[in-house]
PDB file of N, CA and C in Angstrom:
ATOM      1  N   UNK A   1       2.704   2.626  13.583  1.00  0.00           N
ATOM      2  CA  UNK A   1       3.546   2.222  12.976  1.00  0.00           C
ATOM      3  C   UNK A   1       4.522   3.710  12.363  1.00  0.00           C
ATOM      4  N   UNK A   2       5.560   3.894  12.658  1.00  0.00           N
ATOM      5  CA  UNK A   2       6.265   4.812  12.215  1.00  0.00           C
ATOM      6  C   UNK A   2       6.693   4.330  11.031  1.00  0.00           C
ATOM      7  N   UNK A   3       7.524   5.480   9.903  1.00  0.00           N
ATOM      8  CA  UNK A   3       7.566   5.170   8.561  1.00  0.00           C
ATOM      9  C   UNK A   3       9.035   4.264   8.507  1.00  0.00           C
ATOM     10  N   UNK A   4       9.976   4.547   9.977  1.00  0.00           N
ATOM     11  CA  UNK A   4      11.070   3.914   9.933  1.00  0.00           C
ATOM     12  C   UNK A   4      10.500   2.471  10.084  1.00  0.00           C
ATOM     13  N   UNK A   5       9.581   1.337  10.258  1.00  0.00           N
ATOM     14  CA  UNK A   5       9.356   0.487  10.684  1.00  0.00           C
ATOM     15  C   UNK A   5       8.963  -0.106   9.175  1.00  0.00           C
ATOM     16  N   UNK A   6       8.057   0.726   8.816  1.00  0.00           N
ATOM     17  CA  UNK A   6       7.542   0.514   7.576  1.00  0.00           C
ATOM     18  C   UNK A   6       7.935  -0.201   6.187  1.00  0.00           C
ATOM     19  N   UNK A   7       9.154   0.883   6.219  1.00  0.00           N
ATOM     20  CA  UNK A   7      10.180   0.661   5.073  1.00  0.00           C
ATOM     21  C   UNK A   7      10.869  -0.567   4.710  1.00  0.00           C
ATOM     22  N   UNK A   8      11.756  -1.428   6.207  1.00  0.00           N
ATOM     23  CA  UNK A   8      11.874  -2.566   5.926  1.00  0.00           C
ATOM     24  C   UNK A   8      11.127  -3.807   5.548  1.00  0.00           C
ATOM     25  N   UNK A   9       9.396  -3.981   5.826  1.00  0.00           N
ATOM     26  CA  UNK A   9       8.639  -4.401   5.626  1.00  0.00           C
ATOM     27  C   UNK A   9       8.488  -3.693   4.237  1.00  0.00           C
ATOM     28  N   UNK A  10       8.340  -2.784   3.523  1.00  0.00           N
ATOM     29  CA  UNK A  10       8.106  -2.873   2.114  1.00  0.00           C
ATOM     30  C   UNK A  10       9.750  -2.876   0.962  1.00  0.00           C
ATOM     31  N   UNK A  11      10.769  -2.762   1.480  1.00  0.00           N
ATOM     32  CA  UNK A  11      11.631  -3.030   0.647  1.00  0.00           C
ATOM     33  C   UNK A  11      11.601  -4.953   0.767  1.00  0.00           C
ATOM     34  N   UNK A  12      10.786  -5.899   1.688  1.00  0.00           N
ATOM     35  CA  UNK A  12      10.933  -7.285   1.528  1.00  0.00           C
ATOM     36  C   UNK A  12      10.066  -7.721   0.661  1.00  0.00           C
ATOM     37  N   UNK A  13       9.049  -6.798   0.891  1.00  0.00           N
ATOM     38  CA  UNK A  13       7.575  -7.523   0.180  1.00  0.00           C
ATOM     39  C   UNK A  13       7.906  -7.012  -1.359  1.00  0.00           C
ATOM     40  N   UNK A  14       8.462  -5.694  -1.465  1.00  0.00           N
ATOM     41  CA  UNK A  14       8.967  -5.310  -2.870  1.00  0.00           C
ATOM     42  C   UNK A  14       9.931  -6.393  -3.395  1.00  0.00           C
ATOM     43  N   UNK A  15      10.994  -6.964  -3.276  1.00  0.00           N
ATOM     44  CA  UNK A  15      11.996  -7.799  -3.480  1.00  0.00           C
ATOM     45  C   UNK A  15      11.070  -9.051  -3.692  1.00  0.00           C
ATOM     46  N   UNK A  16      10.384  -9.443  -3.046  1.00  0.00           N
ATOM     47  CA  UNK A  16       9.622 -10.601  -3.289  1.00  0.00           C
ATOM     48  C   UNK A  16       8.528 -10.185  -4.510  1.00  0.00           C
ATOM     49  N   UNK A  17       7.763  -9.200  -4.714  1.00  0.00           N
ATOM     50  CA  UNK A  17       7.359  -9.058  -5.885  1.00  0.00           C
ATOM     51  C   UNK A  17       8.054  -8.828  -7.018  1.00  0.00           C
ATOM     52  N   UNK A  18       9.208  -8.538  -6.760  1.00  0.00           N
ATOM     53  CA  UNK A  18       9.694  -8.751  -8.171  1.00  0.00           C
ATOM     54  C   UNK A  18       9.778 -10.054  -8.899  1.00  0.00           C
ATOM     55  N   UNK A  19      10.518 -10.455  -7.598  1.00  0.00           N
ATOM     56  CA  UNK A  19      11.305 -11.655  -7.867  1.00  0.00           C
ATOM     57  C   UNK A  19       9.440 -12.647  -8.799  1.00  0.00           C
ATOM     58  N   UNK A  20       8.763 -13.030  -7.694  1.00  0.00           N
ATOM     59  CA  UNK A  20       7.498 -13.061  -8.296  1.00  0.00           C
ATOM     60  C   UNK A  20       6.590 -13.130  -9.847  1.00  0.00           C
ATOM     61  N   UNK A  21       6.830 -11.542 -10.097  1.00  0.00           N
ATOM     62  CA  UNK A  21       6.903 -11.252 -11.670  1.00  0.00           C
ATOM     63  C   UNK A  21       7.616 -11.765 -12.657  1.00  0.00           C
ATOM     64  N   UNK A  22       9.122 -11.964 -12.012  1.00  0.00           N
ATOM     65  CA  UNK A  22       9.741 -11.979 -12.902  1.00  0.00           C
ATOM     66  C   UNK A  22       9.865 -14.044 -13.362  1.00  0.00           C
ATOM     67  N   UNK A  23       9.248 -14.603 -12.378  1.00  0.00           N
ATOM     68  CA  UNK A  23       9.155 -16.149 -12.560  1.00  0.00           C
ATOM     69  C   UNK A  23       7.872 -16.607 -13.068  1.00  0.00           C
ATOM     70  N   UNK A  24       6.908 -15.717 -13.027  1.00  0.00           N
ATOM     71  CA  UNK A  24       5.685 -15.366 -14.208  1.00  0.00           C
ATOM     72  C   UNK A  24       4.930 -16.777 -13.826  1.00  0.00           C
ATOM     73  N   UNK A  25       5.290 -16.968 -12.174  1.00  0.00           N
ATOM     74  CA  UNK A  25       3.870 -18.051 -11.974  1.00  0.00           C
ATOM     75  C   UNK A  25       3.856 -17.724 -10.146  1.00  0.00           C
ATOM     76  N   UNK A  26       2.069 -16.967 -10.185  1.00  0.00           N
ATOM     77  CA  UNK A  26       1.997 -16.600  -9.079  1.00  0.00           C
ATOM     78  C   UNK A  26       0.667 -17.852  -8.315  1.00  0.00           C
ATOM     79  N   UNK A  27       1.502 -17.868  -7.341  1.00  0.00           N
ATOM     80  CA  UNK A  27       0.159 -18.788  -6.510  1.00  0.00           C
ATOM     81  C   UNK A  27      -0.705 -18.057  -5.582  1.00  0.00           C
ATOM     82  N   UNK A  28      -1.201 -18.807  -4.634  1.00  0.00           N
ATOM     83  CA  UNK A  28      -1.963 -17.908  -3.614  1.00  0.00           C
ATOM     84  C   UNK A  28      -1.281 -17.369  -2.520  1.00  0.00           C
ATOM     85  N   UNK A  29       0.483 -18.541  -2.005  1.00  0.00           N
ATOM     86  CA  UNK A  29       0.534 -17.181  -1.182  1.00  0.00           C
ATOM     87  C   UNK A  29       1.519 -16.020  -1.858  1.00  0.00           C
ATOM     88  N   UNK A  30       2.044 -16.170  -2.982  1.00  0.00           N
ATOM     89  CA  UNK A  30       2.465 -15.045  -3.380  1.00  0.00           C
ATOM     90  C   UNK A  30       1.422 -13.725  -4.086  1.00  0.00           C
ATOM     91  N   UNK A  31       0.609 -14.482  -3.763  1.00  0.00           N
ATOM     92  CA  UNK A  31      -0.789 -13.616  -4.123  1.00  0.00           C
ATOM     93  C   UNK A  31      -1.058 -12.489  -3.004  1.00  0.00           C
ATOM     94  N   UNK A  32      -1.049 -13.200  -1.821  1.00  0.00           N
ATOM     95  CA  UNK A  32      -0.945 -12.371  -0.393  1.00  0.00           C
ATOM     96  C   UNK A  32       0.415 -11.510   0.100  1.00  0.00           C
ATOM     97  N   UNK A  33       1.813 -12.358  -0.600  1.00  0.00           N
ATOM     98  CA  UNK A  33       2.489 -11.222  -0.509  1.00  0.00           C
ATOM     99  C   UNK A  33       2.715  -9.978  -1.463  1.00  0.00           C
ATOM    100  N   UNK A  34       2.313 -10.127  -2.393  1.00  0.00           N
ATOM    101  CA  UNK A  34       2.234  -9.129  -2.995  1.00  0.00           C
ATOM    102  C   UNK A  34       0.763  -7.867  -2.479  1.00  0.00           C
ATOM    103  N   UNK A  35      -0.359  -7.858  -2.131  1.00  0.00           N
ATOM    104  CA  UNK A  35      -1.565  -7.727  -1.084  1.00  0.00           C
ATOM    105  C   UNK A  35      -0.238  -6.900  -0.317  1.00  0.00           C
ATOM    106  N   UNK A  36       0.314  -7.968   0.866  1.00  0.00           N
ATOM    107  CA  UNK A  36       0.886  -7.130   1.954  1.00  0.00           C
ATOM    108  C   UNK A  36       1.926  -6.259   1.393  1.00  0.00           C
ATOM    109  N   UNK A  37       2.532  -6.402   0.291  1.00  0.00           N
ATOM    110  CA  UNK A  37       3.501  -5.123  -0.136  1.00  0.00           C
ATOM    111  C   UNK A  37       2.984  -3.813  -0.594  1.00  0.00           C
ATOM    112  N   UNK A  38       1.253  -4.182  -1.671  1.00  0.00           N
ATOM    113  CA  UNK A  38       0.747  -3.312  -1.307  1.00  0.00           C
ATOM    114  C   UNK A  38       0.672  -1.643  -0.394  1.00  0.00           C
ATOM    115  N   UNK A  39      -0.315  -2.609   0.485  1.00  0.00           N
ATOM    116  CA  UNK A  39      -0.814  -2.443   2.158  1.00  0.00           C
ATOM    117  C   UNK A  39       0.512  -1.341   2.821  1.00  0.00           C
ATOM    118  N   UNK A  40       1.697  -1.763   2.983  1.00  0.00           N
ATOM    119  CA  UNK A  40       2.667  -1.445   3.448  1.00  0.00           C
ATOM    120  C   UNK A  40       3.326  -0.137   2.937  1.00  0.00           C
ATOM    121  N   UNK A  41       2.968  -0.093   1.644  1.00  0.00           N
ATOM    122  CA  UNK A  41       3.811   0.502   0.453  1.00  0.00           C
ATOM    123  C   UNK A  41       2.085   1.648   0.522  1.00  0.00           C
ATOM    124  N   UNK A  42       1.167   1.402   0.569  1.00  0.00           N
ATOM    125  CA  UNK A  42      -0.003   2.338   0.816  1.00  0.00           C
ATOM    126  C   UNK A  42       0.232   3.022   1.933  1.00  0.00           C
ATOM    127  N   UNK A  43       0.315   2.778   3.027  1.00  0.00           N
ATOM    128  CA  UNK A  43       0.103   3.285   4.423  1.00  0.00           C
ATOM    129  C   UNK A  43      -1.438   3.255   4.629  1.00  0.00           C
ATOM    130  N   UNK A  44      -1.750   2.502   4.190  1.00  0.00           N
ATOM    131  CA  UNK A  44      -3.340   2.579   4.391  1.00  0.00           C
ATOM    132  C   UNK A  44      -3.812   2.451   6.182  1.00  0.00           C
ATOM    133  N   UNK A  45      -5.160   2.715   6.351  1.00  0.00           N
ATOM    134  CA  UNK A  45      -5.426   2.800   7.398  1.00  0.00           C
ATOM    135  C   UNK A  45      -5.774   1.012   8.460  1.00  0.00           C
ATOM    136  N   UNK A  46      -5.577   0.492   7.467  1.00  0.00           N
ATOM    137  CA  UNK A  46      -5.827  -1.008   8.140  1.00  0.00           C
ATOM    138  C   UNK A  46      -4.145  -1.574   7.892  1.00  0.00           C
ATOM    139  N   UNK A  47      -3.362  -1.184   7.767  1.00  0.00           N
ATOM    140  CA  UNK A  47      -2.001  -0.948   7.950  1.00  0.00           C
ATOM    141  C   UNK A  47      -2.041  -1.791   9.600  1.00  0.00           C
ATOM    142  N   UNK A  48      -2.578  -0.971  10.146  1.00  0.00           N
ATOM    143  CA  UNK A  48      -2.299  -1.324  11.919  1.00  0.00           C
ATOM    144  C   UNK A  48      -2.405  -3.009  11.842  1.00  0.00           C
ATOM    145  N   UNK A  49      -3.805  -3.440  11.696  1.00  0.00           N
ATOM    146  CA  UNK A  49      -4.169  -4.389  11.926  1.00  0.00           C
ATOM    147  C   UNK A  49      -3.333  -5.543  11.298  1.00  0.00           C
ATOM    148  N   UNK A  50      -2.873  -5.277   9.854  1.00  0.00           N
ATOM    149  CA  UNK A  50      -2.064  -6.133   9.275  1.00  0.00           C
ATOM    150  C   UNK A  50      -1.152  -6.587   9.822  1.00  0.00           C
ATOM    151  N   UNK A  51       0.055  -4.985  10.137  1.00  0.00           N
ATOM    152  CA  UNK A  51       1.257  -5.301  10.777  1.00  0.00           C
ATOM    153  C   UNK A  51       1.022  -6.227  12.065  1.00  0.00           C
ATOM    154  N   UNK A  52      -0.145  -6.250  12.679  1.00  0.00           N
ATOM    155  CA  UNK A  52      -0.183  -6.782  14.323  1.00  0.00           C
ATOM    156  C   UNK A  52       0.078  -8.465  13.848  1.00  0.00           C
ATOM    157  N   UNK A  53      -1.077  -8.539  12.671  1.00  0.00           N
ATOM    158  CA  UNK A  53      -0.781 -10.308  12.081  1.00  0.00           C
ATOM    159  C   UNK A  53       0.313 -10.399  11.455  1.00  0.00           C
ATOM    160  N   UNK A  54       0.905  -9.493  10.626  1.00  0.00           N
ATOM    161  CA  UNK A  54       2.331 -10.331  10.037  1.00  0.00           C
ATOM    162  C   UNK A  54       3.366 -10.347  11.380  1.00  0.00           C
ATOM    163  N   UNK A  55       3.362  -9.794  12.920  1.00  0.00           N
ATOM    164  CA  UNK A  55       4.190  -9.612  13.386  1.00  0.00           C
ATOM    165  C   UNK A  55       4.009 -10.790  14.180  1.00  0.00           C
ATOM    166  N   UNK A  56       2.736 -11.254  14.307  1.00  0.00           N
ATOM    167  CA  UNK A  56       2.554 -12.227  15.415  1.00  0.00           C
ATOM    168  C   UNK A  56       2.717 -13.429  14.360  1.00  0.00           C
ATOM    169  N   UNK A  57       2.495 -13.806  13.141  1.00  0.00           N
ATOM    170  CA  UNK A  57       2.692 -14.783  12.339  1.00  0.00           C
ATOM    171  C   UNK A  57       4.357 -15.150  12.145  1.00  0.00           C
ATOM    172  N   UNK A  58       4.802 -13.418  12.192  1.00  0.00           N
ATOM    173  CA  UNK A  58       6.672 -13.550  12.069  1.00  0.00           C
ATOM    174  C   UNK A  58       6.910 -14.538  13.628  1.00  0.00           C
ATOM    175  N   UNK A  59       6.385 -14.273  14.473  1.00  0.00           N
ATOM    176  CA  UNK A  59       6.824 -14.325  16.319  1.00  0.00           C
ATOM    177  C   UNK A  59       6.679 -15.795  16.150  1.00  0.00           C
ATOM    178  N   UNK A  60       5.838 -16.588  15.920  1.00  0.00           N
ATOM    179  CA  UNK A  60       5.240 -17.350  16.202  1.00  0.00           C
ATOM    180  C   UNK A  60       6.215 -18.399  14.990  1.00  0.00           C
ATOM    181  N   UNK A  61       6.875 -17.978  14.109  1.00  0.00           N
ATOM    182  CA  UNK A  61       7.367 -19.241  13.330  1.00  0.00           C
ATOM    183  C   UNK A  61       8.774 -18.736  13.628  1.00  0.00           C
ATOM    184  N   UNK A  62       9.507 -17.598  14.393  1.00  0.00           N
ATOM    185  CA  UNK A  62      10.703 -17.732  14.895  1.00  0.00           C
ATOM    186  C   UNK A  62      10.528 -18.165  16.323  1.00  0.00           C
ATOM    187  N   UNK A  63       9.562 -18.308  17.101  1.00  0.00           N
ATOM    188  CA  UNK A  63       9.556 -18.480  18.677  1.00  0.00           C
ATOM    189  C   UNK A  63       9.881 -17.521  19.761  1.00  0.00           C
ATOM    190  N   UNK A  64       9.447 -16.644  18.775  1.00  0.00           N
ATOM    191  CA  UNK A  64      10.217 -15.393  20.212  1.00  0.00           C
ATOM    192  C   UNK A  64       8.777 -14.341  20.886  1.00  0.00           C
TER     193      UNK A  64
END
Protein backbone atom coordinates (compact mmCIF):
# COMPACT_ATOMS: atom_id res chain seq x y z
CA UNK A 1 0.00 0.00 0.00
CA UNK A 2 1.37 3.38 -0.91
CA UNK A 3 1.63 6.24 1.52
CA UNK A 4 -0.88 8.26 -0.51
CA UNK A 5 -3.48 5.52 -0.15
CA UNK A 6 -2.99 5.21 3.62
CA UNK A 7 -3.31 8.92 4.40
CA UNK A 8 -7.10 9.19 3.79
CA UNK A 9 -7.76 6.12 5.96
CA UNK A 10 -5.56 7.53 8.73
CA UNK A 11 -7.40 10.85 8.58
CA UNK A 12 -10.83 9.22 8.71
CA UNK A 13 -9.92 6.95 11.60
CA UNK A 14 -8.23 9.88 13.36
CA UNK A 15 -11.39 12.00 13.17
CA UNK A 16 -13.50 9.10 14.42
CA UNK A 17 -11.06 8.57 17.31
CA UNK A 18 -11.19 12.22 18.36
CA UNK A 19 -14.99 12.19 18.32
CA UNK A 20 -15.11 8.99 20.37
CA UNK A 21 -12.72 10.27 22.98
CA UNK A 22 -14.71 13.48 23.32
CA UNK A 23 -17.94 11.55 23.88
CA UNK A 24 -16.31 9.49 26.71
CA UNK A 25 -18.31 6.44 25.73
CA UNK A 26 -16.28 3.84 23.84
CA UNK A 27 -18.00 0.65 22.68
CA UNK A 28 -16.56 -2.45 20.97
CA UNK A 29 -16.91 -1.17 17.40
CA UNK A 30 -15.37 2.09 18.49
CA UNK A 31 -12.39 0.30 19.99
CA UNK A 32 -11.97 -1.47 16.63
CA UNK A 33 -11.97 1.91 14.87
CA UNK A 34 -9.30 3.19 17.25
CA UNK A 35 -7.24 0.05 16.66
CA UNK A 36 -7.53 0.44 12.89
CA UNK A 37 -6.40 4.05 13.23
CA UNK A 38 -3.29 2.86 15.08
CA UNK A 39 -2.52 0.23 12.48
CA UNK A 40 -2.89 2.65 9.57
CA UNK A 41 -0.91 5.32 11.37
CA UNK A 42 1.87 2.95 12.37
CA UNK A 43 2.17 1.33 8.92
CA UNK A 44 2.93 -2.03 10.55
CA UNK A 45 3.49 -5.13 8.38
CA UNK A 46 -0.01 -6.38 9.20
CA UNK A 47 -1.44 -3.34 7.38
CA UNK A 48 -1.68 -5.27 4.10
CA UNK A 49 -4.01 -7.87 5.62
CA UNK A 50 -6.03 -5.27 7.51
CA UNK A 51 -6.31 -3.09 4.41
CA UNK A 52 -7.62 -6.05 2.40
CA UNK A 53 -10.27 -6.77 5.04
CA UNK A 54 -11.31 -3.12 5.31
CA UNK A 55 -11.51 -2.77 1.52
CA UNK A 56 -13.57 -5.96 1.31
CA UNK A 57 -15.95 -4.75 4.05
CA UNK A 58 -16.38 -1.30 2.51
CA UNK A 59 -17.00 -2.74 -0.96
CA UNK A 60 -19.56 -5.13 0.57
CA UNK A 61 -21.45 -2.30 2.24
CA UNK A 62 -21.37 -0.06 -0.82
CA UNK A 63 -22.14 -2.85 -3.30
CA UNK A 64 -19.21 -2.12 -5.61
